[in-house]
Amino acid sequence: MTTAIERAYALAASGRVKTVKDIRHVLKAEGYVEEGQLFGGDIRRQLVKLIGEAAGKKAKMAPQPSAPPGLEQDSQGNAIPFEKRTAEDQELARRGK
């Protein structure tokens, strides 16, 4: 029988899921019991990478809406380093707005 972690990697590489949350839903629907280490930091990063590769693009993790200022992204989802942002954007980030 396939373990939950093996199934998670297979789902990530299949192109059938778009997020780690989707993997959790599928595993639950298939009767797998969620193991605590299944979605730890390193494994989560690997799953996100596989999902992105299966979708034909580089995997990116966007900041949460509640993330602090300074994590702004360009139009392609790449983080814009603080020192490369406009003076106005730098000031807004310093003030936390």
N, C-alpha and C. Protein backbone atom coordinates (compact mmCIF):
# COMPACT_ATOMS: atom_id res chain seq x y z
N MET A 1 0.84 -1.18 0.00
CA MET A 1 0.00 0.00 0.00
C MET A 1 0.89 1.25 0.00
N THR A 2 0.45 2.24 -0.70
CA THR A 2 1.17 3.51 -0.79
C THR A 2 0.98 4.30 0.50
N THR A 3 2.07 4.88 1.00
CA THR A 3 1.97 5.72 2.20
C THR A 3 1.40 7.08 1.84
N ALA A 4 0.96 7.82 2.85
CA ALA A 4 0.41 9.15 2.62
C ALA A 4 1.44 10.08 1.98
N ILE A 5 2.67 9.98 2.41
CA ILE A 5 3.70 10.88 1.86
C ILE A 5 4.01 10.52 0.41
N GLU A 6 4.04 9.23 0.09
CA GLU A 6 4.26 8.83 -1.30
C GLU A 6 3.12 9.32 -2.19
N ARG A 7 1.90 9.20 -1.68
CA ARG A 7 0.74 9.66 -2.43
C ARG A 7 0.77 11.18 -2.61
N ALA A 8 1.21 11.91 -1.58
CA ALA A 8 1.30 13.37 -1.66
C ALA A 8 2.27 13.78 -2.76
N TYR A 9 3.43 13.12 -2.83
CA TYR A 9 4.40 13.44 -3.88
C TYR A 9 3.85 13.10 -5.26
N ALA A 10 3.14 11.98 -5.36
CA ALA A 10 2.56 11.59 -6.64
C ALA A 10 1.51 12.60 -7.09
N LEU A 11 0.69 13.05 -6.17
CA LEU A 11 -0.32 14.06 -6.50
C LEU A 11 0.33 15.36 -6.95
N ALA A 12 1.37 15.79 -6.23
CA ALA A 12 2.06 17.04 -6.56
C ALA A 12 2.65 16.98 -7.97
N ALA A 13 3.20 15.84 -8.34
CA ALA A 13 3.85 15.70 -9.64
C ALA A 13 2.84 15.44 -10.77
N SER A 14 1.61 15.09 -10.41
CA SER A 14 0.62 14.70 -11.41
C SER A 14 0.03 15.86 -12.21
N GLY A 15 0.07 17.07 -11.64
CA GLY A 15 -0.58 18.20 -12.29
C GLY A 15 -2.05 18.28 -11.95
N ARG A 16 -2.52 17.38 -11.12
CA ARG A 16 -3.94 17.31 -10.74
C ARG A 16 -4.29 18.32 -9.64
N VAL A 17 -3.30 18.76 -8.87
CA VAL A 17 -3.54 19.68 -7.77
C VAL A 17 -2.80 20.99 -8.02
N LYS A 18 -3.31 22.06 -7.39
CA LYS A 18 -2.68 23.37 -7.56
C LYS A 18 -2.03 23.88 -6.30
N THR A 19 -2.39 23.31 -5.15
CA THR A 19 -1.85 23.76 -3.87
C THR A 19 -1.64 22.57 -2.94
N VAL A 20 -0.88 22.81 -1.88
CA VAL A 20 -0.69 21.79 -0.86
C VAL A 20 -2.02 21.50 -0.16
N LYS A 21 -2.84 22.52 -0.04
CA LYS A 21 -4.17 22.34 0.55
C LYS A 21 -4.99 21.35 -0.29
N ASP A 22 -4.86 21.45 -1.61
CA ASP A 22 -5.55 20.49 -2.49
C ASP A 22 -5.09 19.07 -2.20
N ILE A 23 -3.78 18.91 -1.98
CA ILE A 23 -3.24 17.58 -1.67
C ILE A 23 -3.89 17.04 -0.40
N ARG A 24 -3.98 17.89 0.63
CA ARG A 24 -4.61 17.48 1.88
C ARG A 24 -6.04 17.00 1.66
N HIS A 25 -6.80 17.75 0.85
CA HIS A 25 -8.19 17.38 0.58
C HIS A 25 -8.28 16.02 -0.13
N VAL A 26 -7.43 15.82 -1.12
CA VAL A 26 -7.45 14.55 -1.86
C VAL A 26 -7.06 13.40 -0.94
N LEU A 27 -6.01 13.59 -0.15
CA LEU A 27 -5.59 12.52 0.77
C LEU A 27 -6.71 12.14 1.73
N LYS A 28 -7.37 13.16 2.26
CA LYS A 28 -8.47 12.90 3.19
C LYS A 28 -9.60 12.15 2.48
N ALA A 29 -9.93 12.57 1.27
CA ALA A 29 -11.00 11.92 0.50
C ALA A 29 -10.65 10.48 0.16
N GLU A 30 -9.35 10.21 0.01
CA GLU A 30 -8.91 8.86 -0.32
C GLU A 30 -8.71 7.99 0.93
N GLY A 31 -8.96 8.56 2.10
CA GLY A 31 -8.89 7.78 3.33
C GLY A 31 -7.55 7.76 4.04
N TYR A 32 -6.62 8.58 3.61
CA TYR A 32 -5.33 8.64 4.29
C TYR A 32 -5.46 9.45 5.57
N VAL A 33 -4.71 9.03 6.58
CA VAL A 33 -4.66 9.77 7.84
C VAL A 33 -3.50 10.75 7.74
N GLU A 34 -3.77 12.02 8.04
CA GLU A 34 -2.72 13.03 7.94
C GLU A 34 -1.69 12.83 9.04
N GLU A 35 -0.45 12.75 8.62
CA GLU A 35 0.65 12.62 9.57
C GLU A 35 1.25 14.00 9.77
N GLY A 36 1.60 14.34 11.00
CA GLY A 36 2.11 15.67 11.32
C GLY A 36 3.28 16.11 10.45
N GLN A 37 4.23 15.21 10.20
CA GLN A 37 5.43 15.58 9.45
C GLN A 37 5.16 15.70 7.96
N LEU A 38 4.00 15.28 7.51
CA LEU A 38 3.69 15.28 6.09
C LEU A 38 3.77 16.67 5.47
N PHE A 39 3.40 17.69 6.21
CA PHE A 39 3.38 19.03 5.65
C PHE A 39 4.34 19.96 6.37
N GLY A 40 5.44 19.42 6.89
CA GLY A 40 6.47 20.24 7.52
C GLY A 40 7.18 21.08 6.47
N GLY A 41 8.02 22.00 6.91
CA GLY A 41 8.67 22.98 6.04
C GLY A 41 9.35 22.42 4.80
N ASP A 42 10.28 21.48 4.98
CA ASP A 42 11.03 20.96 3.83
C ASP A 42 10.13 20.21 2.86
N ILE A 43 9.28 19.36 3.39
CA ILE A 43 8.39 18.59 2.53
C ILE A 43 7.42 19.51 1.80
N ARG A 44 6.90 20.49 2.52
CA ARG A 44 5.97 21.45 1.91
C ARG A 44 6.65 22.16 0.74
N ARG A 45 7.90 22.62 0.93
CA ARG A 45 8.63 23.29 -0.14
C ARG A 45 8.82 22.36 -1.35
N GLN A 46 9.13 21.10 -1.08
CA GLN A 46 9.31 20.15 -2.17
C GLN A 46 7.99 19.91 -2.92
N LEU A 47 6.90 19.83 -2.17
CA LEU A 47 5.59 19.63 -2.81
C LEU A 47 5.23 20.84 -3.66
N VAL A 48 5.46 22.05 -3.14
CA VAL A 48 5.17 23.27 -3.90
C VAL A 48 6.01 23.29 -5.18
N LYS A 49 7.25 22.91 -5.09
CA LYS A 49 8.12 22.87 -6.26
C LYS A 49 7.59 21.88 -7.30
N LEU A 50 7.20 20.69 -6.85
CA LEU A 50 6.67 19.69 -7.77
C LEU A 50 5.37 20.15 -8.42
N ILE A 51 4.51 20.79 -7.64
CA ILE A 51 3.26 21.30 -8.19
C ILE A 51 3.56 22.31 -9.30
N GLY A 52 4.51 23.21 -9.05
CA GLY A 52 4.89 24.21 -10.04
C GLY A 52 5.49 23.59 -11.28
N GLU A 53 6.35 22.61 -11.10
CA GLU A 53 6.96 21.94 -12.25
C GLU A 53 5.90 21.22 -13.07
N ALA A 54 4.95 20.61 -12.40
CA ALA A 54 3.88 19.91 -13.11
C ALA A 54 3.01 20.88 -13.89
N ALA A 55 2.91 22.10 -13.41
CA ALA A 55 2.13 23.12 -14.10
C ALA A 55 2.94 23.79 -15.21
N GLY A 56 4.22 23.43 -15.34
CA GLY A 56 5.06 23.98 -16.39
C GLY A 56 5.63 25.33 -16.08
N LYS A 57 5.78 25.64 -14.82
CA LYS A 57 6.35 26.93 -14.45
C LYS A 57 7.12 26.78 -13.16
N LYS A 58 7.93 27.77 -12.85
CA LYS A 58 8.68 27.78 -11.60
C LYS A 58 7.70 28.04 -10.45
N ALA A 59 7.77 27.22 -9.43
CA ALA A 59 6.88 27.39 -8.28
C ALA A 59 7.25 28.65 -7.51
N LYS A 60 6.23 29.39 -7.10
CA LYS A 60 6.44 30.60 -6.31
C LYS A 60 5.45 30.59 -5.17
N MET A 61 5.87 31.15 -4.08
CA MET A 61 4.98 31.27 -2.93
C MET A 61 4.75 32.75 -2.69
N ALA A 62 3.56 33.19 -2.93
CA ALA A 62 3.21 34.60 -2.73
C ALA A 62 3.03 34.88 -1.24
N PRO A 63 3.35 36.10 -0.82
CA PRO A 63 3.14 36.44 0.58
C PRO A 63 1.65 36.46 0.91
N GLN A 64 1.33 36.15 2.13
CA GLN A 64 -0.04 36.22 2.60
C GLN A 64 -0.48 37.69 2.62
N PRO A 65 -1.77 37.95 2.45
CA PRO A 65 -2.25 39.34 2.50
C PRO A 65 -1.90 40.03 3.81
N SER A 66 -1.76 39.26 4.87
CA SER A 66 -1.45 39.84 6.17
C SER A 66 0.06 40.02 6.40
N ALA A 67 0.88 39.68 5.39
CA ALA A 67 2.34 39.77 5.55
C ALA A 67 2.75 41.24 5.73
N PRO A 68 3.86 41.46 6.45
CA PRO A 68 4.31 42.84 6.66
C PRO A 68 4.77 43.47 5.36
N PRO A 69 4.80 44.81 5.30
CA PRO A 69 5.27 45.49 4.10
C PRO A 69 6.71 45.08 3.80
N GLY A 70 7.10 45.24 2.57
CA GLY A 70 8.46 44.89 2.18
C GLY A 70 8.50 43.61 1.37
N LEU A 71 7.35 42.95 1.22
CA LEU A 71 7.31 41.71 0.47
C LEU A 71 6.59 41.89 -0.86
N GLU A 72 6.59 43.11 -1.38
CA GLU A 72 5.91 43.38 -2.62
C GLU A 72 6.54 42.59 -3.76
N GLN A 73 5.73 42.31 -4.78
CA GLN A 73 6.19 41.52 -5.91
C GLN A 73 6.00 42.28 -7.21
N ASP A 74 6.82 41.89 -8.21
CA ASP A 74 6.65 42.46 -9.53
C ASP A 74 5.53 41.72 -10.26
N SER A 75 5.30 42.04 -11.51
CA SER A 75 4.19 41.45 -12.26
C SER A 75 4.35 39.96 -12.53
N GLN A 76 5.54 39.43 -12.29
CA GLN A 76 5.79 38.01 -12.52
C GLN A 76 5.89 37.22 -11.22
N GLY A 77 5.55 37.85 -10.10
CA GLY A 77 5.55 37.15 -8.82
C GLY A 77 6.88 37.09 -8.10
N ASN A 78 7.88 37.81 -8.60
CA ASN A 78 9.19 37.83 -7.95
C ASN A 78 9.21 38.93 -6.89
N ALA A 79 9.79 38.62 -5.74
CA ALA A 79 9.90 39.62 -4.68
C ALA A 79 10.82 40.75 -5.15
N ILE A 80 10.41 41.98 -4.88
CA ILE A 80 11.22 43.14 -5.24
C ILE A 80 12.07 43.51 -4.02
N PRO A 81 13.41 43.42 -4.15
CA PRO A 81 14.26 43.78 -3.01
C PRO A 81 14.01 45.22 -2.58
N PHE A 82 14.07 45.45 -1.30
CA PHE A 82 13.78 46.77 -0.74
C PHE A 82 14.60 47.86 -1.43
N GLU A 83 15.89 47.62 -1.61
CA GLU A 83 16.76 48.66 -2.17
C GLU A 83 16.49 48.95 -3.65
N LYS A 84 15.74 48.11 -4.34
CA LYS A 84 15.44 48.33 -5.75
C LYS A 84 14.06 48.96 -5.95
N ARG A 85 13.35 49.20 -4.86
CA ARG A 85 12.04 49.80 -4.96
C ARG A 85 12.16 51.32 -5.01
N THR A 86 11.11 51.99 -5.46
CA THR A 86 11.14 53.45 -5.54
C THR A 86 11.26 54.04 -4.13
N ALA A 87 11.73 55.27 -4.06
CA ALA A 87 11.87 55.95 -2.77
C ALA A 87 10.52 56.01 -2.05
N GLU A 88 9.47 56.26 -2.79
CA GLU A 88 8.13 56.34 -2.19
C GLU A 88 7.72 54.98 -1.59
N ASP A 89 7.96 53.90 -2.33
CA ASP A 89 7.62 52.56 -1.83
C ASP A 89 8.48 52.20 -0.62
N GLN A 90 9.75 52.60 -0.62
CA GLN A 90 10.61 52.32 0.52
C GLN A 90 10.07 53.03 1.76
N GLU A 91 9.65 54.27 1.60
CA GLU A 91 9.11 55.03 2.72
C GLU A 91 7.83 54.39 3.25
N LEU A 92 6.97 53.96 2.36
CA LEU A 92 5.73 53.29 2.78
C LEU A 92 6.05 52.01 3.57
N ALA A 93 7.05 51.27 3.11
CA ALA A 93 7.43 50.04 3.80
C ALA A 93 8.00 50.36 5.18
N ARG A 94 8.79 51.41 5.29
CA ARG A 94 9.36 51.80 6.59
C ARG A 94 8.26 52.16 7.58
N ARG A 95 7.23 52.80 7.08
CA ARG A 95 6.12 53.21 7.96
C ARG A 95 5.12 52.08 8.18
N GLY A 96 5.28 50.99 7.46
CA GLY A 96 4.39 49.85 7.63
C GLY A 96 3.03 50.03 7.00
N LYS A 97 2.97 50.74 5.89
CA LYS A 97 1.69 50.97 5.21
C LYS A 97 1.71 50.45 3.80
